[in-house]
Amino acid sequence: MITIDEAKITIVTAFELKLSGAEFLCTLGLSNIARACNGIGPEDMPDKWRRKLDRWFWLFCVPCRGHDCRFTYDNDGTEAKFRAANDELRRNCLIMADATYKWYNPMRYVWRHRGKVVAWACREFGWDSWRRAYERAKAQGIVSCNSQFPASAGNAGGL
């Protein structure tokens, strides 16, 4: 879980950089965003390892928070939505790298590659987490089958 201030930073950054899914984040409200975000890595990964990934991939915290929200609130359990969430993560990681480093800075390309690695890892190893997140959200009434947005969205915790 992240703080409400970190959730605000997530929304502001997403809109400033025109990240894919920024509007979706805004529909969730700050408290729902804070609740969904658990750091980089799957929920069943030990906190110690997720904290390490947060440090190693610090530039991608905002895109990964958006990805966590997709897992929690926009998950219909299908492979198509899973692929779409991972494609969005990849695009947003590349946008973050490009926004942080100018084209002539070699670090831009290092971080672009890292972003591709993060998205690849989610795509290749995240299916089980996607399915578990769907079953958990369905059981809690957070998502309903075939819904585009969470049943409990609204602007709870608003901006």
N, C-alpha and C. Protein backbone atom coordinates (compact mmCIF):
# COMPACT_ATOMS: atom_id res chain seq x y z
N MET A 1 0.84 -1.18 0.00
CA MET A 1 0.00 0.00 0.00
C MET A 1 0.89 1.24 0.00
N ILE A 2 0.48 2.23 -0.77
CA ILE A 2 1.21 3.50 -0.79
C ILE A 2 0.40 4.54 -0.02
N THR A 3 1.00 5.68 0.21
CA THR A 3 0.31 6.75 0.92
C THR A 3 -0.61 7.52 -0.03
N ILE A 4 -1.49 8.29 0.55
CA ILE A 4 -2.38 9.14 -0.25
C ILE A 4 -1.55 10.15 -1.04
N ASP A 5 -0.50 10.69 -0.44
CA ASP A 5 0.37 11.63 -1.17
C ASP A 5 1.03 10.96 -2.37
N GLU A 6 1.46 9.72 -2.20
CA GLU A 6 2.04 8.99 -3.34
C GLU A 6 0.99 8.73 -4.42
N ALA A 7 -0.25 8.49 -4.00
CA ALA A 7 -1.33 8.31 -4.97
C ALA A 7 -1.57 9.61 -5.74
N LYS A 8 -1.51 10.75 -5.05
CA LYS A 8 -1.65 12.05 -5.72
C LYS A 8 -0.54 12.25 -6.75
N ILE A 9 0.68 11.94 -6.34
CA ILE A 9 1.83 12.07 -7.25
C ILE A 9 1.64 11.16 -8.47
N THR A 10 1.10 9.99 -8.25
CA THR A 10 0.84 9.05 -9.34
C THR A 10 -0.11 9.67 -10.36
N ILE A 11 -1.22 10.22 -9.89
CA ILE A 11 -2.20 10.81 -10.80
C ILE A 11 -1.62 12.03 -11.52
N VAL A 12 -0.98 12.91 -10.77
CA VAL A 12 -0.42 14.13 -11.37
C VAL A 12 0.63 13.78 -12.42
N THR A 13 1.53 12.87 -12.09
CA THR A 13 2.57 12.46 -13.04
C THR A 13 1.95 11.82 -14.28
N ALA A 14 0.97 10.96 -14.07
CA ALA A 14 0.32 10.30 -15.20
C ALA A 14 -0.30 11.31 -16.15
N PHE A 15 -0.93 12.35 -15.60
CA PHE A 15 -1.54 13.36 -16.47
C PHE A 15 -0.49 14.26 -17.11
N GLU A 16 0.51 14.66 -16.33
CA GLU A 16 1.55 15.54 -16.88
C GLU A 16 2.28 14.89 -18.05
N LEU A 17 2.55 13.60 -17.94
CA LEU A 17 3.30 12.90 -18.99
C LEU A 17 2.39 12.22 -20.01
N LYS A 18 1.08 12.41 -19.83
CA LYS A 18 0.10 11.80 -20.74
C LYS A 18 0.27 10.28 -20.82
N LEU A 19 0.46 9.67 -19.65
CA LEU A 19 0.58 8.21 -19.61
C LEU A 19 -0.76 7.59 -19.97
N SER A 20 -0.68 6.47 -20.63
CA SER A 20 -1.88 5.71 -20.96
C SER A 20 -2.54 5.27 -19.66
N GLY A 21 -3.84 5.47 -19.56
CA GLY A 21 -4.56 5.06 -18.36
C GLY A 21 -4.69 6.14 -17.30
N ALA A 22 -4.24 7.36 -17.58
CA ALA A 22 -4.32 8.43 -16.58
C ALA A 22 -5.77 8.71 -16.19
N GLU A 23 -6.66 8.71 -17.17
CA GLU A 23 -8.07 8.97 -16.89
C GLU A 23 -8.66 7.86 -16.02
N PHE A 24 -8.26 6.64 -16.31
CA PHE A 24 -8.71 5.50 -15.51
C PHE A 24 -8.31 5.69 -14.05
N LEU A 25 -7.07 6.09 -13.81
CA LEU A 25 -6.61 6.30 -12.44
C LEU A 25 -7.47 7.34 -11.73
N CYS A 26 -7.82 8.39 -12.44
CA CYS A 26 -8.61 9.46 -11.85
C CYS A 26 -9.99 8.98 -11.42
N THR A 27 -10.54 7.99 -12.10
CA THR A 27 -11.86 7.48 -11.73
C THR A 27 -11.83 6.69 -10.43
N LEU A 28 -10.65 6.25 -10.03
CA LEU A 28 -10.56 5.35 -8.88
C LEU A 28 -10.62 6.07 -7.54
N GLY A 29 -10.08 7.26 -7.48
CA GLY A 29 -9.96 7.94 -6.20
C GLY A 29 -8.66 7.55 -5.51
N LEU A 30 -8.18 8.45 -4.69
CA LEU A 30 -6.86 8.28 -4.07
C LEU A 30 -6.78 7.06 -3.15
N SER A 31 -7.81 6.84 -2.35
CA SER A 31 -7.74 5.72 -1.40
C SER A 31 -7.71 4.37 -2.12
N ASN A 32 -8.45 4.25 -3.22
CA ASN A 32 -8.42 3.00 -3.99
C ASN A 32 -7.07 2.78 -4.66
N ILE A 33 -6.48 3.85 -5.16
CA ILE A 33 -5.14 3.73 -5.76
C ILE A 33 -4.15 3.30 -4.69
N ALA A 34 -4.19 3.97 -3.54
CA ALA A 34 -3.26 3.65 -2.46
C ALA A 34 -3.40 2.19 -2.03
N ARG A 35 -4.62 1.71 -1.97
CA ARG A 35 -4.89 0.34 -1.54
C ARG A 35 -4.36 -0.69 -2.55
N ALA A 36 -4.45 -0.37 -3.83
CA ALA A 36 -4.08 -1.34 -4.87
C ALA A 36 -2.57 -1.46 -5.07
N CYS A 37 -1.84 -0.43 -4.75
CA CYS A 37 -0.41 -0.39 -5.10
C CYS A 37 0.44 -1.00 -3.99
N ASN A 38 1.20 -2.02 -4.37
CA ASN A 38 1.98 -2.75 -3.38
C ASN A 38 3.47 -2.76 -3.69
N GLY A 39 3.91 -1.93 -4.60
CA GLY A 39 5.32 -1.94 -5.01
C GLY A 39 5.49 -2.78 -6.26
N ILE A 40 6.65 -2.67 -6.85
CA ILE A 40 6.93 -3.39 -8.09
C ILE A 40 7.09 -4.88 -7.78
N GLY A 41 6.32 -5.68 -8.47
CA GLY A 41 6.37 -7.12 -8.26
C GLY A 41 5.01 -7.66 -7.87
N PRO A 42 4.83 -8.97 -8.00
CA PRO A 42 3.54 -9.58 -7.68
C PRO A 42 3.24 -9.53 -6.19
N GLU A 43 1.96 -9.59 -5.88
CA GLU A 43 1.53 -9.47 -4.49
C GLU A 43 2.12 -10.55 -3.59
N ASP A 44 2.33 -11.75 -4.13
CA ASP A 44 2.86 -12.83 -3.29
C ASP A 44 4.38 -12.80 -3.15
N MET A 45 5.03 -11.84 -3.77
CA MET A 45 6.47 -11.67 -3.60
C MET A 45 6.73 -11.03 -2.23
N PRO A 46 7.73 -11.49 -1.51
CA PRO A 46 8.03 -10.90 -0.21
C PRO A 46 8.30 -9.39 -0.32
N ASP A 47 7.83 -8.65 0.69
CA ASP A 47 8.01 -7.19 0.71
C ASP A 47 9.47 -6.79 0.50
N LYS A 48 10.38 -7.56 1.09
CA LYS A 48 11.81 -7.26 0.98
C LYS A 48 12.24 -7.20 -0.49
N TRP A 49 11.75 -8.13 -1.29
CA TRP A 49 12.12 -8.17 -2.71
C TRP A 49 11.43 -7.07 -3.50
N ARG A 50 10.17 -6.79 -3.15
CA ARG A 50 9.48 -5.70 -3.84
C ARG A 50 10.16 -4.36 -3.55
N ARG A 51 10.62 -4.17 -2.33
CA ARG A 51 11.35 -2.93 -2.01
C ARG A 51 12.63 -2.83 -2.83
N LYS A 52 13.31 -3.96 -3.02
CA LYS A 52 14.51 -3.96 -3.87
C LYS A 52 14.16 -3.59 -5.31
N LEU A 53 13.09 -4.18 -5.83
CA LEU A 53 12.67 -3.85 -7.19
C LEU A 53 12.26 -2.39 -7.30
N ASP A 54 11.62 -1.86 -6.27
CA ASP A 54 11.27 -0.43 -6.26
C ASP A 54 12.52 0.44 -6.37
N ARG A 55 13.59 0.03 -5.71
CA ARG A 55 14.85 0.81 -5.79
C ARG A 55 15.52 0.61 -7.14
N TRP A 56 15.55 -0.61 -7.64
CA TRP A 56 16.22 -0.89 -8.91
C TRP A 56 15.51 -0.24 -10.09
N PHE A 57 14.18 -0.22 -10.02
CA PHE A 57 13.39 0.32 -11.12
C PHE A 57 12.61 1.56 -10.68
N TRP A 58 13.25 2.43 -9.90
CA TRP A 58 12.60 3.60 -9.31
C TRP A 58 11.87 4.46 -10.35
N LEU A 59 12.41 4.54 -11.53
CA LEU A 59 11.82 5.39 -12.56
C LEU A 59 10.43 4.91 -12.96
N PHE A 60 10.14 3.65 -12.75
CA PHE A 60 8.88 3.07 -13.22
C PHE A 60 7.84 2.89 -12.12
N CYS A 61 8.02 3.54 -10.99
CA CYS A 61 7.04 3.40 -9.91
C CYS A 61 5.65 3.84 -10.35
N VAL A 62 5.54 4.97 -11.05
CA VAL A 62 4.22 5.45 -11.47
C VAL A 62 3.58 4.50 -12.49
N PRO A 63 4.28 4.10 -13.55
CA PRO A 63 3.65 3.13 -14.46
C PRO A 63 3.27 1.81 -13.77
N CYS A 64 4.09 1.37 -12.85
CA CYS A 64 3.78 0.12 -12.15
C CYS A 64 2.58 0.28 -11.22
N ARG A 65 2.39 1.48 -10.66
CA ARG A 65 1.19 1.72 -9.85
C ARG A 65 -0.05 1.65 -10.73
N GLY A 66 0.03 2.23 -11.91
CA GLY A 66 -1.09 2.12 -12.84
C GLY A 66 -1.38 0.67 -13.18
N HIS A 67 -0.33 -0.10 -13.36
CA HIS A 67 -0.45 -1.53 -13.65
C HIS A 67 -1.10 -2.26 -12.48
N ASP A 68 -0.70 -1.94 -11.26
CA ASP A 68 -1.34 -2.53 -10.08
C ASP A 68 -2.84 -2.22 -10.06
N CYS A 69 -3.19 -0.99 -10.41
CA CYS A 69 -4.62 -0.62 -10.44
C CYS A 69 -5.37 -1.38 -11.52
N ARG A 70 -4.73 -1.63 -12.64
CA ARG A 70 -5.37 -2.45 -13.68
C ARG A 70 -5.62 -3.86 -13.14
N PHE A 71 -4.62 -4.40 -12.43
CA PHE A 71 -4.77 -5.75 -11.87
C PHE A 71 -5.94 -5.80 -10.89
N THR A 72 -6.09 -4.76 -10.09
CA THR A 72 -7.10 -4.78 -9.03
C THR A 72 -8.48 -4.36 -9.52
N TYR A 73 -8.55 -3.30 -10.34
CA TYR A 73 -9.85 -2.69 -10.64
C TYR A 73 -10.31 -2.82 -12.08
N ASP A 74 -9.48 -3.28 -12.98
CA ASP A 74 -9.88 -3.37 -14.38
C ASP A 74 -9.49 -4.74 -14.94
N ASN A 75 -9.77 -5.75 -14.16
CA ASN A 75 -9.34 -7.10 -14.46
C ASN A 75 -10.57 -7.97 -14.66
N ASP A 76 -10.75 -8.44 -15.87
CA ASP A 76 -11.88 -9.34 -16.13
C ASP A 76 -11.43 -10.79 -16.24
N GLY A 77 -10.17 -11.04 -15.92
CA GLY A 77 -9.65 -12.40 -15.92
C GLY A 77 -9.28 -12.94 -17.29
N THR A 78 -9.44 -12.13 -18.33
CA THR A 78 -9.15 -12.62 -19.68
C THR A 78 -7.71 -12.34 -20.09
N GLU A 79 -7.26 -13.13 -21.04
CA GLU A 79 -5.91 -12.94 -21.57
C GLU A 79 -5.81 -11.62 -22.34
N ALA A 80 -6.87 -11.22 -22.99
CA ALA A 80 -6.85 -9.96 -23.75
C ALA A 80 -6.60 -8.77 -22.84
N LYS A 81 -7.30 -8.70 -21.71
CA LYS A 81 -7.09 -7.60 -20.76
C LYS A 81 -5.70 -7.68 -20.13
N PHE A 82 -5.24 -8.89 -19.88
CA PHE A 82 -3.90 -9.10 -19.33
C PHE A 82 -2.85 -8.54 -20.28
N ARG A 83 -2.98 -8.88 -21.56
CA ARG A 83 -2.04 -8.36 -22.57
C ARG A 83 -2.13 -6.85 -22.67
N ALA A 84 -3.35 -6.32 -22.64
CA ALA A 84 -3.54 -4.87 -22.74
C ALA A 84 -2.89 -4.15 -21.55
N ALA A 85 -3.03 -4.71 -20.36
CA ALA A 85 -2.43 -4.09 -19.16
C ALA A 85 -0.90 -4.10 -19.28
N ASN A 86 -0.34 -5.18 -19.79
CA ASN A 86 1.11 -5.26 -19.93
C ASN A 86 1.63 -4.39 -21.07
N ASP A 87 0.86 -4.27 -22.14
CA ASP A 87 1.24 -3.36 -23.22
C ASP A 87 1.22 -1.91 -22.74
N GLU A 88 0.21 -1.57 -21.94
CA GLU A 88 0.14 -0.22 -21.37
C GLU A 88 1.34 0.04 -20.46
N LEU A 89 1.70 -0.94 -19.65
CA LEU A 89 2.87 -0.80 -18.78
C LEU A 89 4.12 -0.53 -19.61
N ARG A 90 4.31 -1.26 -20.67
CA ARG A 90 5.49 -1.08 -21.53
C ARG A 90 5.52 0.33 -22.11
N ARG A 91 4.40 0.77 -22.68
CA ARG A 91 4.33 2.13 -23.25
C ARG A 91 4.65 3.18 -22.20
N ASN A 92 4.08 3.03 -21.02
CA ASN A 92 4.28 4.03 -19.97
C ASN A 92 5.70 4.03 -19.44
N CYS A 93 6.34 2.88 -19.37
CA CYS A 93 7.75 2.84 -18.95
C CYS A 93 8.63 3.56 -19.98
N LEU A 94 8.34 3.37 -21.26
CA LEU A 94 9.12 4.05 -22.30
C LEU A 94 8.90 5.56 -22.24
N ILE A 95 7.67 5.98 -21.99
CA ILE A 95 7.38 7.41 -21.85
C ILE A 95 8.15 7.99 -20.67
N MET A 96 8.20 7.28 -19.55
CA MET A 96 8.94 7.77 -18.38
C MET A 96 10.42 7.92 -18.69
N ALA A 97 11.00 6.95 -19.38
CA ALA A 97 12.42 7.03 -19.74
C ALA A 97 12.67 8.23 -20.65
N ASP A 98 11.81 8.41 -21.65
CA ASP A 98 11.98 9.51 -22.59
C ASP A 98 11.78 10.86 -21.91
N ALA A 99 10.85 10.94 -20.97
CA ALA A 99 10.59 12.20 -20.28
C ALA A 99 11.70 12.56 -19.29
N THR A 100 12.39 11.56 -18.81
CA THR A 100 13.43 11.79 -17.79
C THR A 100 14.78 12.12 -18.40
N TYR A 101 15.08 11.52 -19.54
CA TYR A 101 16.40 11.69 -20.17
C TYR A 101 16.24 12.18 -21.61
N LYS A 102 17.07 13.14 -21.99
CA LYS A 102 17.08 13.65 -23.37
C LYS A 102 17.59 12.57 -24.32
N TRP A 103 17.30 12.74 -25.60
CA TRP A 103 17.64 11.73 -26.60
C TRP A 103 19.14 11.46 -26.67
N TYR A 104 19.96 12.42 -26.33
CA TYR A 104 21.41 12.26 -26.45
C TYR A 104 22.04 11.67 -25.19
N ASN A 105 21.25 11.47 -24.15
CA ASN A 105 21.78 10.89 -22.91
C ASN A 105 21.67 9.36 -22.99
N PRO A 106 22.80 8.67 -22.88
CA PRO A 106 22.76 7.20 -22.98
C PRO A 106 21.85 6.54 -21.93
N MET A 107 21.65 7.22 -20.80
CA MET A 107 20.79 6.63 -19.76
C MET A 107 19.34 6.48 -20.25
N ARG A 108 18.94 7.30 -21.20
CA ARG A 108 17.60 7.16 -21.76
C ARG A 108 17.42 5.75 -22.33
N TYR A 109 18.41 5.27 -23.02
CA TYR A 109 18.31 3.97 -23.69
C TYR A 109 18.50 2.82 -22.70
N VAL A 110 19.28 3.06 -21.67
CA VAL A 110 19.41 2.07 -20.59
C VAL A 110 18.05 1.88 -19.92
N TRP A 111 17.38 3.01 -19.59
CA TRP A 111 16.09 2.93 -18.92
C TRP A 111 14.99 2.44 -19.85
N ARG A 112 15.06 2.76 -21.12
CA ARG A 112 14.08 2.21 -22.07
C ARG A 112 14.19 0.68 -22.08
N HIS A 113 15.42 0.19 -22.11
CA HIS A 113 15.61 -1.27 -22.08
C HIS A 113 15.07 -1.86 -20.78
N ARG A 114 15.35 -1.21 -19.66
CA ARG A 114 14.83 -1.70 -18.38
C ARG A 114 13.30 -1.72 -18.37
N GLY A 115 12.69 -0.72 -18.96
CA GLY A 115 11.24 -0.68 -19.04
C GLY A 115 10.69 -1.86 -19.83
N LYS A 116 11.38 -2.18 -20.91
CA LYS A 116 10.97 -3.34 -21.71
C LYS A 116 11.12 -4.63 -20.91
N VAL A 117 12.16 -4.70 -20.10
CA VAL A 117 12.39 -5.88 -19.26
C VAL A 117 11.28 -6.02 -18.21
N VAL A 118 10.91 -4.90 -17.58
CA VAL A 118 9.84 -4.93 -16.59
C VAL A 118 8.54 -5.43 -17.23
N ALA A 119 8.19 -4.88 -18.38
CA ALA A 119 6.96 -5.29 -19.05
C ALA A 119 7.04 -6.74 -19.52
N TRP A 120 8.20 -7.14 -20.00
CA TRP A 120 8.39 -8.53 -20.43
C TRP A 120 8.17 -9.49 -19.25
N ALA A 121 8.77 -9.15 -18.09
CA ALA A 121 8.64 -10.01 -16.91
C ALA A 121 7.17 -10.13 -16.50
N CYS A 122 6.46 -9.02 -16.55
CA CYS A 122 5.03 -9.07 -16.20
C CYS A 122 4.25 -9.93 -17.18
N ARG A 123 4.57 -9.79 -18.46
CA ARG A 123 3.86 -10.56 -19.49
C ARG A 123 4.17 -12.05 -19.36
N GLU A 124 5.43 -12.38 -19.14
CA GLU A 124 5.83 -13.79 -19.12
C GLU A 124 5.50 -14.51 -17.82
N PHE A 125 5.52 -13.77 -16.71
CA PHE A 125 5.38 -14.43 -15.41
C PHE A 125 4.17 -13.96 -14.60
N GLY A 126 3.35 -13.09 -15.16
CA GLY A 126 2.28 -12.48 -14.38
C GLY A 126 0.90 -13.08 -14.51
N TRP A 127 0.73 -14.06 -15.40
CA TRP A 127 -0.60 -14.59 -15.64
C TRP A 127 -1.26 -15.14 -14.38
N ASP A 128 -0.53 -15.91 -13.59
CA ASP A 128 -1.12 -16.48 -12.37
C ASP A 128 -1.53 -15.37 -11.41
N SER A 129 -0.72 -14.34 -11.30
CA SER A 129 -1.07 -13.20 -10.43
C SER A 129 -2.32 -12.50 -10.95
N TRP A 130 -2.41 -12.35 -12.28
CA TRP A 130 -3.58 -11.74 -12.90
C TRP A 130 -4.85 -12.51 -12.55
N ARG A 131 -4.79 -13.83 -12.67
CA ARG A 131 -5.95 -14.66 -12.38
C ARG A 131 -6.30 -14.60 -10.89
N ARG A 132 -5.30 -14.67 -10.01
CA ARG A 132 -5.57 -14.58 -8.56
C ARG A 132 -6.17 -13.22 -8.21
N ALA A 133 -5.64 -12.16 -8.82
CA ALA A 133 -6.17 -10.82 -8.55
C ALA A 133 -7.63 -10.72 -8.99
N TYR A 134 -7.93 -11.32 -10.12
CA TYR A 134 -9.31 -11.31 -10.62
C TYR A 134 -10.24 -12.06 -9.65
N GLU A 135 -9.83 -13.24 -9.25
CA GLU A 135 -10.67 -14.03 -8.34
C GLU A 135 -10.86 -13.31 -7.01
N ARG A 136 -9.81 -12.70 -6.50
CA ARG A 136 -9.89 -11.96 -5.24
C ARG A 136 -10.83 -10.75 -5.39
N ALA A 137 -10.66 -9.99 -6.47
CA ALA A 137 -11.50 -8.81 -6.68
C ALA A 137 -12.96 -9.20 -6.88
N LYS A 138 -13.19 -10.28 -7.60
CA LYS A 138 -14.55 -10.75 -7.83
C LYS A 138 -15.19 -11.16 -6.50
N ALA A 139 -14.44 -11.86 -5.67
CA ALA A 139 -14.96 -12.30 -4.38
C ALA A 139 -15.27 -11.11 -3.46
N GLN A 140 -14.49 -10.05 -3.59
CA GLN A 140 -14.68 -8.86 -2.76
C GLN A 140 -15.69 -7.89 -3.37
N GLY A 141 -16.17 -8.20 -4.56
CA GLY A 141 -17.12 -7.31 -5.21
C GLY A 141 -16.49 -6.06 -5.79
N ILE A 142 -15.18 -6.07 -5.98
CA ILE A 142 -14.48 -4.89 -6.51
C ILE A 142 -14.72 -4.77 -8.01
N VAL A 143 -14.71 -5.89 -8.71
CA VAL A 143 -14.98 -5.86 -10.14
C VAL A 143 -16.17 -6.76 -10.42
N SER A 144 -16.86 -6.43 -11.45
CA SER A 144 -17.92 -7.32 -11.91
C SER A 144 -17.51 -7.84 -13.27
N CYS A 145 -17.96 -9.00 -13.62
CA CYS A 145 -17.60 -9.60 -14.90
C CYS A 145 -17.92 -8.65 -16.04
N ASN A 146 -16.97 -8.54 -16.98
CA ASN A 146 -17.15 -7.74 -18.19
C ASN A 146 -17.32 -6.25 -17.93
N SER A 147 -16.94 -5.74 -16.78
CA SER A 147 -17.06 -4.31 -16.56
C SER A 147 -15.74 -3.64 -16.94
N GLN A 148 -15.86 -2.43 -17.45
CA GLN A 148 -14.66 -1.70 -17.85
C GLN A 148 -14.01 -1.07 -16.64
N PHE A 149 -14.80 -0.62 -15.67
CA PHE A 149 -14.27 0.05 -14.50
C PHE A 149 -14.79 -0.64 -13.26
N PRO A 150 -14.16 -0.40 -12.13
CA PRO A 150 -14.54 -1.09 -10.91
C PRO A 150 -15.96 -0.75 -10.46
N ALA A 151 -16.59 -1.71 -9.84
CA ALA A 151 -17.92 -1.48 -9.33
C ALA A 151 -17.90 -0.42 -8.24
N SER A 152 -16.80 -0.31 -7.52
CA SER A 152 -16.70 0.64 -6.42
C SER A 152 -15.90 1.88 -6.77
N ALA A 153 -15.77 2.20 -8.05
CA ALA A 153 -14.91 3.31 -8.46
C ALA A 153 -15.38 4.62 -7.88
N GLY A 154 -16.00 5.46 -8.67
CA GLY A 154 -16.36 6.77 -8.18
C GLY A 154 -15.12 7.55 -7.83
N ASN A 155 -15.27 8.57 -7.06
CA ASN A 155 -14.12 9.38 -6.69
C ASN A 155 -13.88 9.27 -5.20
N ALA A 156 -13.97 8.06 -4.67
CA ALA A 156 -13.73 7.85 -3.24
C ALA A 156 -12.33 8.30 -2.90
N GLY A 157 -12.21 9.17 -1.98
CA GLY A 157 -10.91 9.72 -1.60
C GLY A 157 -10.51 10.86 -2.48
N GLY A 158 -11.28 11.18 -3.49
CA GLY A 158 -11.09 12.19 -4.53
C GLY A 158 -9.86 13.04 -4.49
N LEU A 159 -9.72 13.80 -5.52
CA LEU A 159 -8.59 14.73 -5.63
C LEU A 159 -8.94 16.05 -5.06
